[in-house]
Amino acid sequence: MSDDPTLGTLKRRIDEAKKNLKISPSQDDMPRTTIGRLFNVGVELVAGVLAGVGAGLVIDWVFGTSPWGLICLFILGSIAGMMNVYRSLTSTKNKKTPHA
């Protein structure tokens, strides 16, 4: 199979395309703006609460434990959302650093 000329041509074309590809920095490497960070904080907090409420409603519906599943998982979702916010605000990725 290595003697196939079309395979060699394809490999050469792939190598040329890789050389010509301009790689842009990923979003994790770019400094975030204040509004972007605040939006991220809000989304993470709301997502944790909504996930807890949704899971609590499902648990209550399946097992008939209303309202205890909702109450317990609302609290756990709120705690998870606050932990995500804390991690987001204290991570070193989000701090603006000069790029070399």
C-alpha atoms as a PDB file:
ATOM      1  CA  MET A   1       0.000   0.000   0.000  1.00  0.00           C
ATOM      2  CA  SER A   2       2.881   2.388   0.608  1.00  0.00           C
ATOM      3  CA  ASP A   3       3.724   2.226  -3.128  1.00  0.00           C
ATOM      4  CA  ASP A   4       0.368   3.786  -4.059  1.00  0.00           C
ATOM      5  CA  PRO A   5       1.059   7.175  -5.740  1.00  0.00           C
ATOM      6  CA  THR A   6      -2.276   8.636  -4.667  1.00  0.00           C
ATOM      7  CA  LEU A   7      -1.417   7.937  -1.025  1.00  0.00           C
ATOM      8  CA  GLY A   8       1.887   9.770  -1.400  1.00  0.00           C
ATOM      9  CA  THR A   9       0.115  12.683  -3.080  1.00  0.00           C
ATOM     10  CA  LEU A  10      -2.461  12.815  -0.320  1.00  0.00           C
ATOM     11  CA  LYS A  11       0.227  12.782   2.363  1.00  0.00           C
ATOM     12  CA  ARG A  12       2.095  15.606   0.620  1.00  0.00           C
ATOM     13  CA  ARG A  13      -1.085  17.667   0.325  1.00  0.00           C
ATOM     14  CA  ILE A  14      -1.886  17.130   4.018  1.00  0.00           C
ATOM     15  CA  ASP A  15       1.635  18.216   5.004  1.00  0.00           C
ATOM     16  CA  GLU A  16       1.332  21.354   2.851  1.00  0.00           C
ATOM     17  CA  ALA A  17      -2.051  22.169   4.372  1.00  0.00           C
ATOM     18  CA  LYS A  18      -0.613  21.804   7.883  1.00  0.00           C
ATOM     19  CA  LYS A  19       2.207  24.211   7.014  1.00  0.00           C
ATOM     20  CA  ASN A  20      -0.227  26.794   5.604  1.00  0.00           C
ATOM     21  CA  LEU A  21      -2.644  26.534   8.511  1.00  0.00           C
ATOM     22  CA  LYS A  22      -2.616  29.605  10.690  1.00  0.00           C
ATOM     23  CA  ILE A  23      -3.237  28.533  14.253  1.00  0.00           C
ATOM     24  CA  SER A  24      -5.076  31.109  16.316  1.00  0.00           C
ATOM     25  CA  PRO A  25      -4.785  31.151  20.097  1.00  0.00           C
ATOM     26  CA  SER A  26      -7.548  29.256  21.844  1.00  0.00           C
ATOM     27  CA  GLN A  27     -10.126  31.074  23.918  1.00  0.00           C
ATOM     28  CA  ASP A  28      -8.524  29.780  27.109  1.00  0.00           C
ATOM     29  CA  ASP A  29      -5.313  31.606  26.214  1.00  0.00           C
ATOM     30  CA  MET A  30      -7.038  34.919  25.575  1.00  0.00           C
ATOM     31  CA  PRO A  31      -7.636  37.288  28.480  1.00  0.00           C
ATOM     32  CA  ARG A  32     -11.295  37.592  29.358  1.00  0.00           C
ATOM     33  CA  THR A  33     -13.084  40.870  29.632  1.00  0.00           C
ATOM     34  CA  THR A  34     -14.897  41.870  32.796  1.00  0.00           C
ATOM     35  CA  ILE A  35     -18.309  41.538  31.166  1.00  0.00           C
ATOM     36  CA  GLY A  36     -17.403  38.080  29.863  1.00  0.00           C
ATOM     37  CA  ARG A  37     -16.345  36.950  33.327  1.00  0.00           C
ATOM     38  CA  LEU A  38     -19.510  38.343  34.921  1.00  0.00           C
ATOM     39  CA  PHE A  39     -21.675  36.613  32.321  1.00  0.00           C
ATOM     40  CA  ASN A  40     -19.813  33.369  32.974  1.00  0.00           C
ATOM     41  CA  VAL A  41     -20.367  33.738  36.732  1.00  0.00           C
ATOM     42  CA  GLY A  42     -24.097  34.252  36.253  1.00  0.00           C
ATOM     43  CA  VAL A  43     -24.464  31.325  33.893  1.00  0.00           C
ATOM     44  CA  GLU A  44     -22.565  28.973  36.193  1.00  0.00           C
ATOM     45  CA  LEU A  45     -24.644  29.933  39.214  1.00  0.00           C
ATOM     46  CA  VAL A  46     -27.973  29.626  37.404  1.00  0.00           C
ATOM     47  CA  ALA A  47     -26.942  26.348  35.743  1.00  0.00           C
ATOM     48  CA  GLY A  48     -26.142  24.766  39.104  1.00  0.00           C
ATOM     49  CA  VAL A  49     -29.459  25.827  40.602  1.00  0.00           C
ATOM     50  CA  LEU A  50     -31.473  24.730  37.554  1.00  0.00           C
ATOM     51  CA  ALA A  51     -29.738  21.357  37.445  1.00  0.00           C
ATOM     52  CA  GLY A  52     -30.522  20.817  41.124  1.00  0.00           C
ATOM     53  CA  VAL A  53     -34.148  21.862  40.746  1.00  0.00           C
ATOM     54  CA  GLY A  54     -34.611  19.697  37.646  1.00  0.00           C
ATOM     55  CA  ALA A  55     -33.096  16.655  39.300  1.00  0.00           C
ATOM     56  CA  GLY A  56     -35.154  17.280  42.439  1.00  0.00           C
ATOM     57  CA  LEU A  57     -38.383  17.443  40.466  1.00  0.00           C
ATOM     58  CA  VAL A  58     -37.536  14.210  38.663  1.00  0.00           C
ATOM     59  CA  ILE A  59     -36.671  12.455  41.938  1.00  0.00           C
ATOM     60  CA  ASP A  60     -39.942  13.651  43.496  1.00  0.00           C
ATOM     61  CA  TRP A  61     -41.955  12.521  40.467  1.00  0.00           C
ATOM     62  CA  VAL A  62     -40.322   9.075  40.276  1.00  0.00           C
ATOM     63  CA  PHE A  63     -40.303   8.253  43.984  1.00  0.00           C
ATOM     64  CA  GLY A  64     -43.229  10.385  45.187  1.00  0.00           C
ATOM     65  CA  THR A  65     -41.139  12.131  47.840  1.00  0.00           C
ATOM     66  CA  SER A  66     -42.473  15.629  47.198  1.00  0.00           C
ATOM     67  CA  PRO A  67     -41.095  18.177  48.208  1.00  0.00           C
ATOM     68  CA  TRP A  68     -37.985  16.665  49.824  1.00  0.00           C
ATOM     69  CA  GLY A  69     -36.108  15.814  46.639  1.00  0.00           C
ATOM     70  CA  LEU A  70     -36.639  19.320  45.331  1.00  0.00           C
ATOM     71  CA  ILE A  71     -35.528  20.948  48.577  1.00  0.00           C
ATOM     72  CA  CYS A  72     -32.405  18.801  49.018  1.00  0.00           C
ATOM     73  CA  LEU A  73     -31.253  18.997  45.423  1.00  0.00           C
ATOM     74  CA  PHE A  74     -31.995  22.734  45.227  1.00  0.00           C
ATOM     75  CA  ILE A  75     -29.589  23.217  48.129  1.00  0.00           C
ATOM     76  CA  LEU A  76     -26.967  20.925  46.574  1.00  0.00           C
ATOM     77  CA  GLY A  77     -27.320  22.653  43.190  1.00  0.00           C
ATOM     78  CA  SER A  78     -26.935  26.055  44.819  1.00  0.00           C
ATOM     79  CA  ILE A  79     -23.787  24.918  46.605  1.00  0.00           C
ATOM     80  CA  ALA A  80     -22.400  23.456  43.371  1.00  0.00           C
ATOM     81  CA  GLY A  81     -23.151  26.697  41.515  1.00  0.00           C
ATOM     82  CA  MET A  82     -21.405  28.767  44.191  1.00  0.00           C
ATOM     83  CA  MET A  83     -18.383  26.463  44.102  1.00  0.00           C
ATOM     84  CA  ASN A  84     -18.194  26.851  40.312  1.00  0.00           C
ATOM     85  CA  VAL A  85     -18.364  30.623  40.667  1.00  0.00           C
ATOM     86  CA  TYR A  86     -15.601  30.562  43.275  1.00  0.00           C
ATOM     87  CA  ARG A  87     -13.401  28.370  41.052  1.00  0.00           C
ATOM     88  CA  SER A  88     -14.084  30.596  38.069  1.00  0.00           C
ATOM     89  CA  LEU A  89     -13.149  33.774  39.885  1.00  0.00           C
ATOM     90  CA  THR A  90     -10.026  32.392  41.539  1.00  0.00           C
ATOM     91  CA  SER A  91      -8.583  30.429  38.620  1.00  0.00           C
ATOM     92  CA  THR A  92      -5.303  31.684  37.193  1.00  0.00           C
ATOM     93  CA  LYS A  93      -6.535  31.247  33.592  1.00  0.00           C
ATOM     94  CA  ASN A  94      -8.953  34.145  33.951  1.00  0.00           C
ATOM     95  CA  LYS A  95      -6.378  36.661  35.150  1.00  0.00           C
ATOM     96  CA  LYS A  96      -5.079  38.959  32.477  1.00  0.00           C
ATOM     97  CA  THR A  97      -1.461  38.140  31.743  1.00  0.00           C
ATOM     98  CA  PRO A  98       0.708  39.518  28.963  1.00  0.00           C
ATOM     99  CA  HIS A  99       1.312  37.063  26.151  1.00  0.00           C
ATOM    100  CA  ALA A 100       4.856  36.426  24.997  1.00  0.00           C
END
